[in-house]
Amino acid sequence: MNKPFILVVEDDSAVRNLITTTLETQRYRFQAAPTGETAILEAVSHNPDVVLLDLGLPDMDGIEIIRKIRTWSKMPIIVISARSEDTDKIEALDAGADDYLTKPFSVEELLARLRVTFRRLYDSGGSAPGDMVFTNGDLRIDYAAGCVYVKEKELHLTPMEYKILCLLAKNAGKVLTHTTITKEIWGSAWDNDVASLRVFMATLRKKIEADPSAPKYIQTHVGVGYRMMRV
């Protein structure tokens, strides 16, 4: 099987060289794009397996690129950005990004995020937890179809949101620590993983909870982790 093809969208030459050198050492195929316009052309022309996207590009904002790509493709997009505020991360995820990595980052962390993405791409037919359908109040997860419904309305979750929700559902009633969740989802427990988990929980709650400020499905245990409540 050919190695995955990765599109690197980054205008900072030092960061771009770091990423491409890392990919080269791992024998990944890649193409670099320094601008948003070039990135969109490369995405259309080469249909990459994954896009690594900086948000602060000279000709357009990365959020706009995410929205444009999402009009025609579900290719995984991992944002790599110096914007570290939760609002920036939530905006990118809401626009359609699959994951978010904050600069500065380690190459080990970047490679871990890529491995998680590729496992989802190539092993998406993995075992479903327990029954093929999980029901909790108005929430329903159809594992076989990979779909989530609230009051029979299908929700559009990112792959990471879906994976986190399934993990919590599989362990409904149990408190899962931050470390347990991040190791299961990303295969690591970096500080960035815990920060990303908090953001993913915020976006997930916006989609499944009637009132995200008073959640009934996912309970936060401050300083510990999260629990799927039985409704």
C-alpha atoms as a PDB file:
ATOM      1  CA  MET A   1       0.000   0.000   0.000  1.00  0.00           C
ATOM      2  CA  ASN A   2       1.302   3.454  -0.872  1.00  0.00           C
ATOM      3  CA  LYS A   3       2.119   5.763   1.963  1.00  0.00           C
ATOM      4  CA  PRO A   4      -0.590   8.404   2.564  1.00  0.00           C
ATOM      5  CA  PHE A   5      -0.296  11.672   0.657  1.00  0.00           C
ATOM      6  CA  ILE A   6      -0.267  14.782   2.867  1.00  0.00           C
ATOM      7  CA  LEU A   7      -0.815  18.402   1.843  1.00  0.00           C
ATOM      8  CA  VAL A   8       1.134  20.825   4.060  1.00  0.00           C
ATOM      9  CA  VAL A   9      -0.308  24.350   4.004  1.00  0.00           C
ATOM     10  CA  GLU A  10       2.101  26.669   5.833  1.00  0.00           C
ATOM     11  CA  ASP A  11       3.558  30.056   4.872  1.00  0.00           C
ATOM     12  CA  ASP A  12       6.333  30.103   7.508  1.00  0.00           C
ATOM     13  CA  SER A  13       9.295  28.474   5.759  1.00  0.00           C
ATOM     14  CA  ALA A  14      10.917  27.293   9.006  1.00  0.00           C
ATOM     15  CA  VAL A  15       7.766  25.544  10.222  1.00  0.00           C
ATOM     16  CA  ARG A  16       7.048  24.220   6.737  1.00  0.00           C
ATOM     17  CA  ASN A  17      10.554  22.750   6.502  1.00  0.00           C
ATOM     18  CA  LEU A  18      10.207  21.168   9.952  1.00  0.00           C
ATOM     19  CA  ILE A  19       6.946  19.484   8.976  1.00  0.00           C
ATOM     20  CA  THR A  20       8.068  18.318   5.539  1.00  0.00           C
ATOM     21  CA  THR A  21      11.391  17.028   6.877  1.00  0.00           C
ATOM     22  CA  THR A  22       9.497  15.079   9.534  1.00  0.00           C
ATOM     23  CA  LEU A  23       7.179  13.609   6.912  1.00  0.00           C
ATOM     24  CA  GLU A  24      10.131  12.746   4.697  1.00  0.00           C
ATOM     25  CA  THR A  25      11.879  10.830   7.482  1.00  0.00           C
ATOM     26  CA  GLN A  26       8.688   8.785   7.927  1.00  0.00           C
ATOM     27  CA  ARG A  27       8.509   8.185   4.157  1.00  0.00           C
ATOM     28  CA  TYR A  28       5.182   9.964   3.770  1.00  0.00           C
ATOM     29  CA  ARG A  29       4.374  11.475   0.389  1.00  0.00           C
ATOM     30  CA  PHE A  30       3.660  15.195   0.614  1.00  0.00           C
ATOM     31  CA  GLN A  31       3.177  18.474  -1.200  1.00  0.00           C
ATOM     32  CA  ALA A  32       3.714  21.910   0.349  1.00  0.00           C
ATOM     33  CA  ALA A  33       1.587  24.997  -0.309  1.00  0.00           C
ATOM     34  CA  PRO A  34       2.551  28.443   1.084  1.00  0.00           C
ATOM     35  CA  THR A  35      -0.752  30.204   0.344  1.00  0.00           C
ATOM     36  CA  GLY A  36      -4.451  29.525   0.591  1.00  0.00           C
ATOM     37  CA  GLU A  37      -5.017  29.806  -3.148  1.00  0.00           C
ATOM     38  CA  THR A  38      -2.265  27.264  -3.847  1.00  0.00           C
ATOM     39  CA  ALA A  39      -3.634  25.000  -1.115  1.00  0.00           C
ATOM     40  CA  ILE A  40      -7.093  24.844  -2.677  1.00  0.00           C
ATOM     41  CA  LEU A  41      -5.631  24.125  -6.121  1.00  0.00           C
ATOM     42  CA  GLU A  42      -3.452  21.347  -4.698  1.00  0.00           C
ATOM     43  CA  ALA A  43      -6.366  19.878  -2.753  1.00  0.00           C
ATOM     44  CA  VAL A  44      -8.515  19.791  -5.881  1.00  0.00           C
ATOM     45  CA  SER A  45      -5.713  18.435  -8.090  1.00  0.00           C
ATOM     46  CA  HIS A  46      -4.230  15.782  -5.792  1.00  0.00           C
ATOM     47  CA  ASN A  47      -7.055  14.885  -3.383  1.00  0.00           C
ATOM     48  CA  PRO A  48      -4.667  14.369  -0.438  1.00  0.00           C
ATOM     49  CA  ASP A  49      -5.339  11.851   2.306  1.00  0.00           C
ATOM     50  CA  VAL A  50      -4.778  14.522   4.976  1.00  0.00           C
ATOM     51  CA  VAL A  51      -4.338  18.310   5.025  1.00  0.00           C
ATOM     52  CA  LEU A  52      -2.100  19.958   7.618  1.00  0.00           C
ATOM     53  CA  LEU A  53      -3.351  23.539   7.668  1.00  0.00           C
ATOM     54  CA  ASP A  54      -2.024  26.752   9.182  1.00  0.00           C
ATOM     55  CA  LEU A  55      -4.750  29.344   9.776  1.00  0.00           C
ATOM     56  CA  GLY A  56      -2.685  32.519   9.391  1.00  0.00           C
ATOM     57  CA  LEU A  57      -1.936  32.543   5.664  1.00  0.00           C
ATOM     58  CA  PRO A  58      -0.980  35.681   3.700  1.00  0.00           C
ATOM     59  CA  ASP A  59      -3.854  35.643   1.211  1.00  0.00           C
ATOM     60  CA  MET A  60      -6.800  34.159   3.138  1.00  0.00           C
ATOM     61  CA  ASP A  61      -7.760  32.853   6.544  1.00  0.00           C
ATOM     62  CA  GLY A  62      -7.460  29.107   7.074  1.00  0.00           C
ATOM     63  CA  ILE A  63     -11.068  28.947   8.272  1.00  0.00           C
ATOM     64  CA  GLU A  64     -12.147  29.981   4.772  1.00  0.00           C
ATOM     65  CA  ILE A  65     -10.061  27.167   3.292  1.00  0.00           C
ATOM     66  CA  ILE A  66     -11.700  24.622   5.597  1.00  0.00           C
ATOM     67  CA  ARG A  67     -15.159  25.802   4.554  1.00  0.00           C
ATOM     68  CA  LYS A  68     -14.250  25.693   0.853  1.00  0.00           C
ATOM     69  CA  ILE A  69     -12.860  22.150   1.081  1.00  0.00           C
ATOM     70  CA  ARG A  70     -15.894  20.983   3.034  1.00  0.00           C
ATOM     71  CA  THR A  71     -18.186  21.980   0.165  1.00  0.00           C
ATOM     72  CA  TRP A  72     -16.792  19.075  -1.879  1.00  0.00           C
ATOM     73  CA  SER A  73     -14.647  16.783   0.291  1.00  0.00           C
ATOM     74  CA  LYS A  74     -14.486  15.087   3.693  1.00  0.00           C
ATOM     75  CA  MET A  75     -10.690  14.715   3.578  1.00  0.00           C
ATOM     76  CA  PRO A  76      -9.260  14.968   7.124  1.00  0.00           C
ATOM     77  CA  ILE A  77      -7.977  18.431   8.025  1.00  0.00           C
ATOM     78  CA  ILE A  78      -5.607  18.889  10.964  1.00  0.00           C
ATOM     79  CA  VAL A  79      -5.124  22.538  11.889  1.00  0.00           C
ATOM     80  CA  ILE A  80      -1.652  23.547  13.075  1.00  0.00           C
ATOM     81  CA  SER A  81      -1.845  27.085  14.391  1.00  0.00           C
ATOM     82  CA  ALA A  82      -0.369  29.558  16.855  1.00  0.00           C
ATOM     83  CA  ARG A  83      -3.929  30.593  17.746  1.00  0.00           C
ATOM     84  CA  SER A  84      -4.391  28.962  21.121  1.00  0.00           C
ATOM     85  CA  GLU A  85      -7.680  30.423  22.348  1.00  0.00           C
ATOM     86  CA  ASP A  86     -10.556  27.976  22.744  1.00  0.00           C
ATOM     87  CA  THR A  87     -12.739  30.245  20.600  1.00  0.00           C
ATOM     88  CA  ASP A  88     -10.286  29.885  17.689  1.00  0.00           C
ATOM     89  CA  LYS A  89     -10.232  26.107  18.059  1.00  0.00           C
ATOM     90  CA  ILE A  90     -14.006  25.873  18.263  1.00  0.00           C
ATOM     91  CA  GLU A  91     -14.399  28.061  15.163  1.00  0.00           C
ATOM     92  CA  ALA A  92     -12.045  25.790  13.200  1.00  0.00           C
ATOM     93  CA  LEU A  93     -13.767  22.614  14.387  1.00  0.00           C
ATOM     94  CA  ASP A  94     -17.209  24.040  13.691  1.00  0.00           C
ATOM     95  CA  ALA A  95     -16.034  24.945  10.178  1.00  0.00           C
ATOM     96  CA  GLY A  96     -15.119  21.304   9.575  1.00  0.00           C
ATOM     97  CA  ALA A  97     -11.585  20.688  10.877  1.00  0.00           C
ATOM     98  CA  ASP A  98     -10.987  17.214  12.310  1.00  0.00           C
ATOM     99  CA  ASP A  99      -8.233  18.027  14.793  1.00  0.00           C
ATOM    100  CA  TYR A 100      -6.303  21.024  16.134  1.00  0.00           C
ATOM    101  CA  LEU A 101      -2.642  21.197  17.100  1.00  0.00           C
ATOM    102  CA  THR A 102      -1.268  24.343  18.746  1.00  0.00           C
ATOM    103  CA  LYS A 103       2.153  25.786  17.961  1.00  0.00           C
ATOM    104  CA  PRO A 104       4.747  25.210  19.245  1.00  0.00           C
ATOM    105  CA  PHE A 105       4.385  21.454  18.887  1.00  0.00           C
ATOM    106  CA  SER A 106       6.696  18.462  18.974  1.00  0.00           C
ATOM    107  CA  VAL A 107       7.215  16.309  15.906  1.00  0.00           C
ATOM    108  CA  GLU A 108       6.303  13.274  18.016  1.00  0.00           C
ATOM    109  CA  GLU A 109       2.939  14.833  18.787  1.00  0.00           C
ATOM    110  CA  LEU A 110       2.331  15.653  15.116  1.00  0.00           C
ATOM    111  CA  LEU A 111       3.136  12.082  14.088  1.00  0.00           C
ATOM    112  CA  ALA A 112       0.822  10.738  16.804  1.00  0.00           C
ATOM    113  CA  ARG A 113      -2.054  12.871  15.466  1.00  0.00           C
ATOM    114  CA  LEU A 114      -1.373  11.590  11.961  1.00  0.00           C
ATOM    115  CA  ARG A 115      -1.343   7.963  13.126  1.00  0.00           C
ATOM    116  CA  VAL A 116      -4.738   8.448  14.778  1.00  0.00           C
ATOM    117  CA  THR A 117      -6.116   9.958  11.573  1.00  0.00           C
ATOM    118  CA  PHE A 118      -4.758   7.152   9.407  1.00  0.00           C
ATOM    119  CA  ARG A 119      -6.130   4.486  11.754  1.00  0.00           C
ATOM    120  CA  ARG A 120      -9.560   6.050  11.305  1.00  0.00           C
ATOM    121  CA  LEU A 121      -9.137   6.136   7.533  1.00  0.00           C
ATOM    122  CA  TYR A 122      -7.917   2.587   7.071  1.00  0.00           C
ATOM    123  CA  ASP A 123      -9.420   0.782  10.065  1.00  0.00           C
ATOM    124  CA  SER A 124     -12.854   2.390  10.106  1.00  0.00           C
ATOM    125  CA  GLY A 125     -14.431  -1.029  10.042  1.00  0.00           C
ATOM    126  CA  GLY A 126     -13.168  -1.880  13.514  1.00  0.00           C
ATOM    127  CA  SER A 127     -15.258  -3.581  16.154  1.00  0.00           C
ATOM    128  CA  ALA A 128     -18.344  -1.792  17.386  1.00  0.00           C
ATOM    129  CA  PRO A 129     -18.739  -1.584  21.162  1.00  0.00           C
ATOM    130  CA  GLY A 130     -21.340  -3.959  22.551  1.00  0.00           C
ATOM    131  CA  ASP A 131     -24.715  -3.660  20.851  1.00  0.00           C
ATOM    132  CA  MET A 132     -24.849  -2.114  17.414  1.00  0.00           C
ATOM    133  CA  VAL A 133     -27.085   0.693  18.685  1.00  0.00           C
ATOM    134  CA  PHE A 134     -26.643   2.729  21.874  1.00  0.00           C
ATOM    135  CA  THR A 135     -29.686   4.554  23.227  1.00  0.00           C
ATOM    136  CA  ASN A 136     -29.686   7.021  26.103  1.00  0.00           C
ATOM    137  CA  GLY A 137     -32.752   9.238  26.406  1.00  0.00           C
ATOM    138  CA  ASP A 138     -33.118  11.099  23.101  1.00  0.00           C
ATOM    139  CA  LEU A 139     -29.535  10.252  22.123  1.00  0.00           C
ATOM    140  CA  ARG A 140     -28.973   7.329  19.763  1.00  0.00           C
ATOM    141  CA  ILE A 141     -25.694   6.074  18.289  1.00  0.00           C
ATOM    142  CA  ASP A 142     -25.880   3.657  15.372  1.00  0.00           C
ATOM    143  CA  TYR A 143     -22.404   2.121  15.445  1.00  0.00           C
ATOM    144  CA  ALA A 144     -22.860   0.111  12.258  1.00  0.00           C
ATOM    145  CA  ALA A 145     -23.819   3.195  10.261  1.00  0.00           C
ATOM    146  CA  GLY A 146     -21.526   5.556  12.158  1.00  0.00           C
ATOM    147  CA  CYS A 147     -24.437   7.937  12.748  1.00  0.00           C
ATOM    148  CA  VAL A 148     -25.649   9.861  15.799  1.00  0.00           C
ATOM    149  CA  TYR A 149     -29.201  11.086  16.360  1.00  0.00           C
ATOM    150  CA  VAL A 150     -30.916  13.307  18.916  1.00  0.00           C
ATOM    151  CA  LYS A 151     -34.715  13.117  18.827  1.00  0.00           C
ATOM    152  CA  GLU A 152     -34.309  11.199  15.548  1.00  0.00           C
ATOM    153  CA  LYS A 153     -32.499  14.133  13.939  1.00  0.00           C
ATOM    154  CA  GLU A 154     -29.118  13.101  12.539  1.00  0.00           C
ATOM    155  CA  LEU A 155     -26.175  15.133  13.840  1.00  0.00           C
ATOM    156  CA  HIS A 156     -23.091  16.017  11.842  1.00  0.00           C
ATOM    157  CA  LEU A 157     -20.124  15.197  14.086  1.00  0.00           C
ATOM    158  CA  THR A 158     -16.451  15.422  13.231  1.00  0.00           C
ATOM    159  CA  PRO A 159     -14.561  12.101  13.390  1.00  0.00           C
ATOM    160  CA  MET A 160     -12.956  13.119  16.692  1.00  0.00           C
ATOM    161  CA  GLU A 161     -16.290  14.146  18.215  1.00  0.00           C
ATOM    162  CA  TYR A 162     -17.792  10.817  17.146  1.00  0.00           C
ATOM    163  CA  LYS A 163     -14.872   8.835  18.568  1.00  0.00           C
ATOM    164  CA  ILE A 164     -15.051  10.643  21.919  1.00  0.00           C
ATOM    165  CA  LEU A 165     -18.817  10.192  22.111  1.00  0.00           C
ATOM    166  CA  CYS A 166     -18.534   6.463  21.377  1.00  0.00           C
ATOM    167  CA  LEU A 167     -15.843   6.062  24.048  1.00  0.00           C
ATOM    168  CA  LEU A 168     -18.044   7.754  26.659  1.00  0.00           C
ATOM    169  CA  ALA A 169     -21.092   5.749  25.562  1.00  0.00           C
ATOM    170  CA  LYS A 170     -19.167   2.481  25.796  1.00  0.00           C
ATOM    171  CA  ASN A 171     -18.340   3.430  29.391  1.00  0.00           C
ATOM    172  CA  ALA A 172     -21.674   5.056  30.302  1.00  0.00           C
ATOM    173  CA  GLY A 173     -21.909   5.738  34.018  1.00  0.00           C
ATOM    174  CA  LYS A 174     -18.129   5.617  34.514  1.00  0.00           C
ATOM    175  CA  VAL A 175     -15.855   8.600  35.050  1.00  0.00           C
ATOM    176  CA  LEU A 176     -13.074   8.526  32.453  1.00  0.00           C
ATOM    177  CA  THR A 177      -9.995  10.542  33.340  1.00  0.00           C
ATOM    178  CA  HIS A 178      -8.447  13.032  30.948  1.00  0.00           C
ATOM    179  CA  THR A 179      -5.456  10.715  30.546  1.00  0.00           C
ATOM    180  CA  THR A 180      -7.641   7.695  29.788  1.00  0.00           C
ATOM    181  CA  ILE A 181      -9.576   9.578  27.125  1.00  0.00           C
ATOM    182  CA  THR A 182      -6.587  11.241  25.443  1.00  0.00           C
ATOM    183  CA  LYS A 183      -4.603   8.003  25.326  1.00  0.00           C
ATOM    184  CA  GLU A 184      -7.579   6.211  23.780  1.00  0.00           C
ATOM    185  CA  ILE A 185      -8.321   8.965  21.260  1.00  0.00           C
ATOM    186  CA  TRP A 186      -4.843  10.250  20.367  1.00  0.00           C
ATOM    187  CA  GLY A 187      -2.599   7.515  21.727  1.00  0.00           C
ATOM    188  CA  SER A 188      -0.809  10.018  23.954  1.00  0.00           C
ATOM    189  CA  ALA A 189      -1.322  12.385  26.870  1.00  0.00           C
ATOM    190  CA  TRP A 190       0.358  15.619  25.816  1.00  0.00           C
ATOM    191  CA  ASP A 191      -0.757  18.915  27.338  1.00  0.00           C
ATOM    192  CA  ASN A 192      -2.128  19.838  23.907  1.00  0.00           C
ATOM    193  CA  ASP A 193      -4.275  16.694  23.958  1.00  0.00           C
ATOM    194  CA  VAL A 194      -5.994  17.693  27.195  1.00  0.00           C
ATOM    195  CA  ALA A 195      -6.560  21.222  25.878  1.00  0.00           C
ATOM    196  CA  SER A 196      -7.951  19.813  22.621  1.00  0.00           C
ATOM    197  CA  LEU A 197     -10.197  17.435  24.550  1.00  0.00           C
ATOM    198  CA  ARG A 198     -11.762  20.379  26.377  1.00  0.00           C
ATOM    199  CA  VAL A 199     -12.491  22.066  23.061  1.00  0.00           C
ATOM    200  CA  PHE A 200     -13.935  18.913  21.490  1.00  0.00           C
ATOM    201  CA  MET A 201     -16.190  18.475  24.514  1.00  0.00           C
ATOM    202  CA  ALA A 202     -17.463  22.027  24.062  1.00  0.00           C
ATOM    203  CA  THR A 203     -18.272  21.476  20.377  1.00  0.00           C
ATOM    204  CA  LEU A 204     -19.777  18.047  21.070  1.00  0.00           C
ATOM    205  CA  ARG A 205     -22.060  19.445  23.762  1.00  0.00           C
ATOM    206  CA  LYS A 206     -23.267  22.171  21.415  1.00  0.00           C
ATOM    207  CA  LYS A 207     -24.506  19.420  19.131  1.00  0.00           C
ATOM    208  CA  ILE A 208     -26.009  16.866  21.521  1.00  0.00           C
ATOM    209  CA  GLU A 209     -27.212  18.951  24.459  1.00  0.00           C
ATOM    210  CA  ALA A 210     -30.404  21.022  24.468  1.00  0.00           C
ATOM    211  CA  ASP A 211     -28.631  23.408  26.862  1.00  0.00           C
ATOM    212  CA  PRO A 212     -24.821  23.058  26.673  1.00  0.00           C
ATOM    213  CA  SER A 213     -24.454  25.187  29.836  1.00  0.00           C
ATOM    214  CA  ALA A 214     -26.468  22.601  31.758  1.00  0.00           C
ATOM    215  CA  PRO A 215     -25.542  19.306  30.091  1.00  0.00           C
ATOM    216  CA  LYS A 216     -27.544  16.168  30.851  1.00  0.00           C
ATOM    217  CA  TYR A 217     -25.514  13.669  28.821  1.00  0.00           C
ATOM    218  CA  ILE A 218     -21.843  14.486  29.450  1.00  0.00           C
ATOM    219  CA  GLN A 219     -20.910  15.494  32.975  1.00  0.00           C
ATOM    220  CA  THR A 220     -17.627  17.243  33.747  1.00  0.00           C
ATOM    221  CA  HIS A 221     -15.650  16.094  36.790  1.00  0.00           C
ATOM    222  CA  VAL A 222     -13.409  19.108  37.313  1.00  0.00           C
ATOM    223  CA  GLY A 223      -9.736  18.201  37.345  1.00  0.00           C
ATOM    224  CA  VAL A 224     -10.538  14.543  36.698  1.00  0.00           C
ATOM    225  CA  GLY A 225     -12.403  13.869  33.476  1.00  0.00           C
ATOM    226  CA  TYR A 226     -15.860  13.226  32.011  1.00  0.00           C
ATOM    227  CA  ARG A 227     -18.764  10.817  32.387  1.00  0.00           C
ATOM    228  CA  MET A 228     -21.665   9.832  30.157  1.00  0.00           C
ATOM    229  CA  MET A 229     -24.732  10.120  32.368  1.00  0.00           C
ATOM    230  CA  ARG A 230     -27.600   7.647  32.036  1.00  0.00           C
ATOM    231  CA  VAL A 231     -30.726   9.680  31.254  1.00  0.00           C
END
